[in-house]
Amino acid sequence: MINRKLILATAIFVCSSMANAAEHTVKMLTSGANGQMMVMEPAFIKIAKGDTVKFVPSDATHNAQSYSVPAGAASFMTPMGQTASVTFSQDGVYLYKCIPHLPLGMVGVIQVGKAVNLAQAKQDSVKLKALMALNKERLDKIMAQIK
């Protein structure tokens, strides 16, 4: 009898958690709304644990690949030129890039819940900027939004 109640309670909890999860969209754009070239819109997004981010490329040359993730979190890489969704199940700061357009500064940051790995993310952002030829200040502006 107890096992049935435990199973029912667990099922209700899992279903209610899934019902509260949200889907967010990040557009990978060759030209952004503000006229900047090779951007993620939004470049910074804060979501809750369990939420999904749908990455939508404007053309076949864009993708999203994690560069820095919290310890124990899964890395991700979306297919080139295809819409793809990633669900984030661990708190922390995730830095990601568009592989072909990283030199042009096409990067983004997702904060999931609390920024538990902020120190590591800041160190990794310095390394990521070293790989960028242009728009290095873009990453500093994005990182400044983490709270």
N, C-alpha and C. Protein backbone atom coordinates (compact mmCIF):
# COMPACT_ATOMS: atom_id res chain seq x y z
N MET A 1 0.82 -1.19 0.00
CA MET A 1 0.00 0.00 0.00
C MET A 1 0.86 1.26 0.00
N ILE A 2 1.91 1.25 0.81
CA ILE A 2 2.81 2.40 0.88
C ILE A 2 3.51 2.60 -0.46
N ASN A 3 3.91 1.53 -1.09
CA ASN A 3 4.60 1.64 -2.38
C ASN A 3 3.72 2.31 -3.41
N ARG A 4 2.43 1.99 -3.44
CA ARG A 4 1.51 2.61 -4.40
C ARG A 4 1.39 4.11 -4.15
N LYS A 5 1.29 4.49 -2.89
CA LYS A 5 1.19 5.91 -2.55
C LYS A 5 2.48 6.64 -2.92
N LEU A 6 3.60 6.01 -2.67
CA LEU A 6 4.89 6.62 -3.01
C LEU A 6 5.01 6.78 -4.53
N ILE A 7 4.62 5.76 -5.26
CA ILE A 7 4.69 5.83 -6.73
C ILE A 7 3.76 6.93 -7.25
N LEU A 8 2.54 7.01 -6.71
CA LEU A 8 1.59 8.03 -7.13
C LEU A 8 2.11 9.43 -6.81
N ALA A 9 2.66 9.61 -5.62
CA ALA A 9 3.21 10.92 -5.23
C ALA A 9 4.37 11.31 -6.13
N THR A 10 5.23 10.35 -6.43
CA THR A 10 6.36 10.62 -7.33
C THR A 10 5.88 11.00 -8.72
N ALA A 11 4.90 10.28 -9.23
CA ALA A 11 4.37 10.57 -10.57
C ALA A 11 3.74 11.95 -10.62
N ILE A 12 3.01 12.32 -9.58
CA ILE A 12 2.39 13.65 -9.53
C ILE A 12 3.47 14.72 -9.49
N PHE A 13 4.51 14.51 -8.69
CA PHE A 13 5.60 15.48 -8.60
C PHE A 13 6.30 15.65 -9.95
N VAL A 14 6.62 14.55 -10.61
CA VAL A 14 7.30 14.60 -11.90
C VAL A 14 6.43 15.31 -12.93
N CYS A 15 5.17 14.98 -12.98
CA CYS A 15 4.27 15.61 -13.95
C CYS A 15 4.10 17.10 -13.67
N SER A 16 3.99 17.48 -12.40
CA SER A 16 3.84 18.90 -12.08
C SER A 16 5.12 19.67 -12.39
N SER A 17 6.27 19.03 -12.20
CA SER A 17 7.53 19.69 -12.54
C SER A 17 7.63 19.91 -14.03
N MET A 18 7.21 18.93 -14.81
CA MET A 18 7.26 19.05 -16.26
C MET A 18 6.28 20.09 -16.75
N ALA A 19 5.12 20.19 -16.09
CA ALA A 19 4.10 21.15 -16.50
C ALA A 19 4.59 22.58 -16.26
N ASN A 20 5.44 22.78 -15.27
CA ASN A 20 5.94 24.11 -14.96
C ASN A 20 7.14 24.50 -15.81
N ALA A 21 7.73 23.57 -16.51
CA ALA A 21 8.90 23.87 -17.34
C ALA A 21 8.48 24.77 -18.50
N ALA A 22 9.34 25.69 -18.86
CA ALA A 22 9.05 26.63 -19.94
C ALA A 22 10.00 26.38 -21.11
N GLU A 23 9.58 26.84 -22.27
CA GLU A 23 10.44 26.78 -23.45
C GLU A 23 10.80 28.21 -23.84
N HIS A 24 12.08 28.44 -24.05
CA HIS A 24 12.60 29.75 -24.44
C HIS A 24 13.22 29.61 -25.82
N THR A 25 13.24 30.67 -26.58
CA THR A 25 13.81 30.63 -27.92
C THR A 25 15.01 31.55 -28.02
N VAL A 26 16.09 31.03 -28.58
CA VAL A 26 17.27 31.83 -28.91
C VAL A 26 17.42 31.76 -30.42
N LYS A 27 17.40 32.92 -31.05
CA LYS A 27 17.59 32.99 -32.50
C LYS A 27 19.07 33.19 -32.80
N MET A 28 19.58 32.41 -33.73
CA MET A 28 20.97 32.53 -34.17
C MET A 28 20.92 33.28 -35.50
N LEU A 29 21.35 34.56 -35.47
CA LEU A 29 21.10 35.45 -36.59
C LEU A 29 22.38 35.96 -37.25
N THR A 30 22.32 36.05 -38.56
CA THR A 30 23.40 36.66 -39.31
C THR A 30 23.40 38.16 -39.09
N SER A 31 22.21 38.74 -38.99
CA SER A 31 22.06 40.17 -38.72
C SER A 31 20.98 40.35 -37.66
N GLY A 32 21.35 40.95 -36.54
CA GLY A 32 20.43 41.11 -35.43
C GLY A 32 19.55 42.33 -35.55
N ALA A 33 18.59 42.45 -34.65
CA ALA A 33 17.64 43.55 -34.64
C ALA A 33 18.33 44.90 -34.48
N ASN A 34 19.45 44.92 -33.76
CA ASN A 34 20.17 46.18 -33.53
C ASN A 34 21.23 46.46 -34.60
N GLY A 35 21.25 45.64 -35.65
CA GLY A 35 22.20 45.86 -36.74
C GLY A 35 23.53 45.14 -36.56
N GLN A 36 23.76 44.52 -35.41
CA GLN A 36 25.01 43.78 -35.21
C GLN A 36 24.98 42.51 -36.05
N MET A 37 26.17 42.11 -36.47
CA MET A 37 26.30 40.91 -37.28
C MET A 37 26.63 39.71 -36.39
N MET A 38 26.16 38.54 -36.78
CA MET A 38 26.45 37.26 -36.12
C MET A 38 26.16 37.33 -34.62
N VAL A 39 24.87 37.25 -34.29
CA VAL A 39 24.45 37.38 -32.89
C VAL A 39 23.48 36.28 -32.50
N MET A 40 23.45 36.04 -31.21
CA MET A 40 22.42 35.23 -30.58
C MET A 40 21.42 36.23 -30.00
N GLU A 41 20.14 36.02 -30.24
CA GLU A 41 19.12 36.90 -29.66
C GLU A 41 18.10 36.05 -28.92
N PRO A 42 18.01 36.22 -27.61
CA PRO A 42 18.86 37.08 -26.78
C PRO A 42 20.22 36.43 -26.54
N ALA A 43 21.21 37.27 -26.33
CA ALA A 43 22.57 36.78 -26.08
C ALA A 43 22.70 36.25 -24.65
N PHE A 44 21.89 36.78 -23.74
CA PHE A 44 21.85 36.30 -22.36
C PHE A 44 20.41 35.95 -22.04
N ILE A 45 20.25 34.80 -21.44
CA ILE A 45 18.91 34.40 -21.01
C ILE A 45 19.03 33.69 -19.67
N LYS A 46 18.12 34.01 -18.76
CA LYS A 46 18.08 33.34 -17.46
C LYS A 46 16.82 32.49 -17.44
N ILE A 47 17.01 31.21 -17.13
CA ILE A 47 15.91 30.27 -17.14
C ILE A 47 15.89 29.48 -15.83
N ALA A 48 14.85 28.70 -15.65
CA ALA A 48 14.74 27.85 -14.47
C ALA A 48 15.23 26.44 -14.80
N LYS A 49 15.67 25.74 -13.78
CA LYS A 49 16.08 24.35 -13.95
C LYS A 49 14.88 23.57 -14.52
N GLY A 50 15.14 22.77 -15.55
CA GLY A 50 14.09 22.01 -16.20
C GLY A 50 13.52 22.67 -17.44
N ASP A 51 13.85 23.95 -17.64
CA ASP A 51 13.39 24.66 -18.84
C ASP A 51 14.17 24.19 -20.06
N THR A 52 13.59 24.46 -21.22
CA THR A 52 14.19 24.10 -22.51
C THR A 52 14.48 25.36 -23.30
N VAL A 53 15.60 25.36 -23.98
CA VAL A 53 15.93 26.44 -24.91
C VAL A 53 15.89 25.85 -26.32
N LYS A 54 15.10 26.51 -27.18
CA LYS A 54 15.02 26.12 -28.58
C LYS A 54 15.92 27.07 -29.36
N PHE A 55 16.93 26.51 -30.01
CA PHE A 55 17.88 27.28 -30.81
C PHE A 55 17.38 27.27 -32.26
N VAL A 56 17.15 28.46 -32.81
CA VAL A 56 16.60 28.59 -34.15
C VAL A 56 17.58 29.34 -35.04
N PRO A 57 18.23 28.65 -35.98
CA PRO A 57 19.19 29.32 -36.88
C PRO A 57 18.48 30.06 -38.00
N SER A 58 19.03 31.20 -38.38
CA SER A 58 18.44 31.96 -39.50
C SER A 58 18.87 31.40 -40.84
N ASP A 59 19.94 30.60 -40.84
CA ASP A 59 20.37 29.95 -42.09
C ASP A 59 21.20 28.72 -41.77
N ALA A 60 21.66 28.06 -42.80
CA ALA A 60 22.35 26.77 -42.66
C ALA A 60 23.73 26.86 -42.04
N THR A 61 24.24 28.07 -41.79
CA THR A 61 25.61 28.21 -41.29
C THR A 61 25.71 28.38 -39.78
N HIS A 62 24.59 28.29 -39.06
CA HIS A 62 24.61 28.53 -37.61
C HIS A 62 24.33 27.27 -36.81
N ASN A 63 24.95 27.19 -35.64
CA ASN A 63 24.64 26.16 -34.66
C ASN A 63 24.99 26.71 -33.28
N ALA A 64 24.71 25.91 -32.26
CA ALA A 64 25.06 26.28 -30.89
C ALA A 64 25.80 25.10 -30.26
N GLN A 65 26.98 25.39 -29.72
CA GLN A 65 27.78 24.36 -29.07
C GLN A 65 28.24 24.90 -27.72
N SER A 66 28.05 24.11 -26.68
CA SER A 66 28.49 24.55 -25.36
C SER A 66 30.00 24.70 -25.36
N TYR A 67 30.45 25.71 -24.63
CA TYR A 67 31.88 25.94 -24.45
C TYR A 67 32.26 25.68 -22.99
N SER A 68 31.38 26.10 -22.08
CA SER A 68 31.62 25.93 -20.65
C SER A 68 30.30 25.59 -19.99
N VAL A 69 30.30 24.51 -19.21
CA VAL A 69 29.10 24.10 -18.49
C VAL A 69 29.47 23.83 -17.03
N PRO A 70 28.49 23.87 -16.13
CA PRO A 70 28.78 23.56 -14.72
C PRO A 70 29.30 22.12 -14.58
N ALA A 71 30.08 21.89 -13.57
CA ALA A 71 30.60 20.54 -13.31
C ALA A 71 29.43 19.55 -13.22
N GLY A 72 29.56 18.46 -13.94
CA GLY A 72 28.53 17.43 -13.94
C GLY A 72 27.41 17.64 -14.93
N ALA A 73 27.33 18.80 -15.54
CA ALA A 73 26.27 19.08 -16.52
C ALA A 73 26.66 18.54 -17.89
N ALA A 74 25.68 18.24 -18.69
CA ALA A 74 25.92 17.72 -20.03
C ALA A 74 26.28 18.84 -20.99
N SER A 75 27.24 18.58 -21.85
CA SER A 75 27.56 19.49 -22.95
C SER A 75 26.47 19.35 -24.01
N PHE A 76 26.40 20.31 -24.93
CA PHE A 76 25.43 20.20 -26.01
C PHE A 76 26.01 20.76 -27.30
N MET A 77 25.49 20.28 -28.41
CA MET A 77 25.83 20.80 -29.73
C MET A 77 24.63 20.57 -30.64
N THR A 78 24.10 21.66 -31.18
CA THR A 78 22.96 21.53 -32.09
C THR A 78 23.48 21.30 -33.51
N PRO A 79 22.68 20.63 -34.35
CA PRO A 79 23.11 20.39 -35.73
C PRO A 79 23.18 21.71 -36.51
N MET A 80 24.11 21.80 -37.42
CA MET A 80 24.29 22.98 -38.25
C MET A 80 23.02 23.26 -39.06
N GLY A 81 22.50 24.48 -38.92
CA GLY A 81 21.37 24.92 -39.73
C GLY A 81 20.03 24.33 -39.38
N GLN A 82 19.94 23.63 -38.25
CA GLN A 82 18.67 23.00 -37.88
C GLN A 82 18.21 23.49 -36.50
N THR A 83 16.91 23.68 -36.38
CA THR A 83 16.33 24.03 -35.08
C THR A 83 16.49 22.84 -34.15
N ALA A 84 16.90 23.10 -32.93
CA ALA A 84 17.08 22.03 -31.95
C ALA A 84 16.80 22.58 -30.56
N SER A 85 16.36 21.70 -29.67
CA SER A 85 16.04 22.10 -28.30
C SER A 85 16.96 21.38 -27.31
N VAL A 86 17.31 22.10 -26.26
CA VAL A 86 18.15 21.55 -25.20
C VAL A 86 17.45 21.85 -23.87
N THR A 87 17.31 20.83 -23.04
CA THR A 87 16.72 20.99 -21.72
C THR A 87 17.86 21.07 -20.70
N PHE A 88 17.76 22.04 -19.81
CA PHE A 88 18.80 22.29 -18.82
C PHE A 88 18.32 21.84 -17.45
N SER A 89 19.00 20.84 -16.88
CA SER A 89 18.55 20.24 -15.63
C SER A 89 19.48 20.53 -14.45
N GLN A 90 20.47 21.38 -14.66
CA GLN A 90 21.41 21.68 -13.58
C GLN A 90 21.65 23.18 -13.50
N ASP A 91 21.62 23.73 -12.29
CA ASP A 91 21.90 25.15 -12.07
C ASP A 91 23.30 25.49 -12.56
N GLY A 92 23.47 26.75 -12.99
CA GLY A 92 24.79 27.24 -13.35
C GLY A 92 24.78 28.10 -14.58
N VAL A 93 25.97 28.50 -14.97
CA VAL A 93 26.19 29.37 -16.13
C VAL A 93 26.74 28.50 -17.27
N TYR A 94 26.11 28.62 -18.43
CA TYR A 94 26.50 27.87 -19.62
C TYR A 94 26.92 28.88 -20.69
N LEU A 95 28.17 28.80 -21.14
CA LEU A 95 28.64 29.62 -22.24
C LEU A 95 28.56 28.77 -23.50
N TYR A 96 28.11 29.37 -24.60
CA TYR A 96 28.05 28.63 -25.85
C TYR A 96 28.41 29.52 -27.03
N LYS A 97 28.66 28.87 -28.17
CA LYS A 97 29.16 29.57 -29.35
C LYS A 97 28.55 28.98 -30.60
N CYS A 98 28.61 29.73 -31.67
CA CYS A 98 28.33 29.23 -33.01
C CYS A 98 29.70 28.87 -33.58
N ILE A 99 29.91 27.62 -33.90
CA ILE A 99 31.25 27.17 -34.30
C ILE A 99 31.84 27.99 -35.45
N PRO A 100 31.15 28.12 -36.59
CA PRO A 100 31.81 28.85 -37.69
C PRO A 100 31.95 30.36 -37.45
N HIS A 101 31.13 30.93 -36.55
CA HIS A 101 31.15 32.38 -36.39
C HIS A 101 31.72 32.84 -35.04
N LEU A 102 32.39 31.93 -34.34
CA LEU A 102 33.04 32.32 -33.09
C LEU A 102 34.05 33.45 -33.30
N PRO A 103 34.88 33.40 -34.35
CA PRO A 103 35.83 34.50 -34.54
C PRO A 103 35.16 35.88 -34.67
N LEU A 104 33.89 35.88 -35.09
CA LEU A 104 33.15 37.13 -35.24
C LEU A 104 32.39 37.51 -33.97
N GLY A 105 32.53 36.70 -32.92
CA GLY A 105 31.92 37.02 -31.64
C GLY A 105 30.52 36.48 -31.46
N MET A 106 30.14 35.43 -32.18
CA MET A 106 28.79 34.87 -32.05
C MET A 106 28.77 33.89 -30.88
N VAL A 107 28.44 34.45 -29.70
CA VAL A 107 28.44 33.70 -28.45
C VAL A 107 27.18 34.05 -27.66
N GLY A 108 26.88 33.22 -26.68
CA GLY A 108 25.75 33.47 -25.80
C GLY A 108 25.98 32.86 -24.44
N VAL A 109 25.13 33.27 -23.48
CA VAL A 109 25.21 32.76 -22.12
C VAL A 109 23.80 32.43 -21.64
N ILE A 110 23.68 31.26 -21.04
CA ILE A 110 22.44 30.84 -20.41
C ILE A 110 22.72 30.66 -18.93
N GLN A 111 21.94 31.34 -18.10
CA GLN A 111 22.03 31.14 -16.66
C GLN A 111 20.83 30.32 -16.24
N VAL A 112 21.10 29.19 -15.65
CA VAL A 112 20.04 28.31 -15.16
C VAL A 112 20.00 28.44 -13.64
N GLY A 113 18.94 29.03 -13.13
CA GLY A 113 18.83 29.21 -11.68
C GLY A 113 19.99 30.01 -11.13
N LYS A 114 20.62 29.48 -10.08
CA LYS A 114 21.73 30.16 -9.43
C LYS A 114 23.03 29.95 -10.21
N ALA A 115 23.85 30.97 -10.25
CA ALA A 115 25.14 30.93 -10.96
C ALA A 115 26.19 30.24 -10.09
N VAL A 116 26.00 28.95 -9.85
CA VAL A 116 26.86 28.21 -8.92
C VAL A 116 28.30 28.08 -9.40
N ASN A 117 28.53 28.25 -10.68
CA ASN A 117 29.88 28.11 -11.25
C ASN A 117 30.38 29.43 -11.82
N LEU A 118 29.96 30.53 -11.24
CA LEU A 118 30.29 31.84 -11.80
C LEU A 118 31.80 32.07 -11.92
N ALA A 119 32.58 31.71 -10.92
CA ALA A 119 34.03 31.93 -10.99
C ALA A 119 34.63 31.17 -12.18
N GLN A 120 34.23 29.91 -12.35
CA GLN A 120 34.74 29.12 -13.47
C GLN A 120 34.26 29.70 -14.80
N ALA A 121 33.00 30.13 -14.86
CA ALA A 121 32.47 30.71 -16.10
C ALA A 121 33.23 31.98 -16.49
N LYS A 122 33.59 32.79 -15.50
CA LYS A 122 34.36 34.00 -15.79
C LYS A 122 35.74 33.65 -16.34
N GLN A 123 36.39 32.64 -15.75
CA GLN A 123 37.69 32.20 -16.26
C GLN A 123 37.55 31.67 -17.68
N ASP A 124 36.52 30.89 -17.92
CA ASP A 124 36.31 30.33 -19.25
C ASP A 124 35.94 31.40 -20.27
N SER A 125 35.29 32.47 -19.83
CA SER A 125 34.94 33.54 -20.78
C SER A 125 36.20 34.25 -21.28
N VAL A 126 37.23 34.33 -20.44
CA VAL A 126 38.51 34.92 -20.86
C VAL A 126 39.14 34.05 -21.95
N LYS A 127 39.08 32.73 -21.75
CA LYS A 127 39.62 31.80 -22.75
C LYS A 127 38.81 31.86 -24.04
N LEU A 128 37.50 31.98 -23.91
CA LEU A 128 36.64 32.06 -25.09
C LEU A 128 36.92 33.33 -25.88
N LYS A 129 37.10 34.45 -25.17
CA LYS A 129 37.42 35.72 -25.86
C LYS A 129 38.73 35.63 -26.64
N ALA A 130 39.67 34.84 -26.15
CA ALA A 130 40.95 34.68 -26.84
C ALA A 130 40.76 34.02 -28.21
N LEU A 131 39.67 33.30 -28.39
CA LEU A 131 39.38 32.64 -29.67
C LEU A 131 38.62 33.54 -30.63
N MET A 132 38.19 34.69 -30.14
CA MET A 132 37.40 35.63 -30.94
C MET A 132 38.31 36.68 -31.54
N ALA A 133 38.12 36.96 -32.82
CA ALA A 133 38.91 37.99 -33.47
C ALA A 133 38.23 39.36 -33.36
N LEU A 134 36.89 39.35 -33.37
CA LEU A 134 36.12 40.60 -33.33
C LEU A 134 35.08 40.54 -32.21
N ASN A 135 34.59 41.70 -31.83
CA ASN A 135 33.47 41.81 -30.89
C ASN A 135 33.74 41.17 -29.53
N LYS A 136 34.97 41.23 -29.06
CA LYS A 136 35.32 40.63 -27.77
C LYS A 136 34.55 41.29 -26.62
N GLU A 137 34.27 42.57 -26.74
CA GLU A 137 33.53 43.28 -25.69
C GLU A 137 32.10 42.77 -25.56
N ARG A 138 31.59 42.14 -26.60
CA ARG A 138 30.24 41.58 -26.58
C ARG A 138 30.11 40.56 -25.44
N LEU A 139 31.09 39.71 -25.29
CA LEU A 139 31.04 38.69 -24.24
C LEU A 139 31.09 39.33 -22.86
N ASP A 140 31.88 40.38 -22.69
CA ASP A 140 31.92 41.07 -21.39
C ASP A 140 30.55 41.62 -21.04
N LYS A 141 29.85 42.20 -22.00
CA LYS A 141 28.51 42.76 -21.77
C LYS A 141 27.51 41.67 -21.42
N ILE A 142 27.64 40.53 -22.06
CA ILE A 142 26.75 39.42 -21.78
C ILE A 142 27.01 38.89 -20.37
N MET A 143 28.27 38.68 -20.03
CA MET A 143 28.64 38.13 -18.72
C MET A 143 28.21 39.07 -17.58
N ALA A 144 28.18 40.36 -17.84
CA ALA A 144 27.81 41.35 -16.81
C ALA A 144 26.35 41.21 -16.39
N GLN A 145 25.56 40.49 -17.17
CA GLN A 145 24.13 40.32 -16.86
C GLN A 145 23.85 39.20 -15.86
N ILE A 146 24.86 38.40 -15.56
CA ILE A 146 24.67 37.28 -14.63
C ILE A 146 24.49 37.82 -13.23
N LYS A 147 23.48 37.32 -12.57
CA LYS A 147 23.19 37.75 -11.18
C LYS A 147 22.98 36.55 -10.31
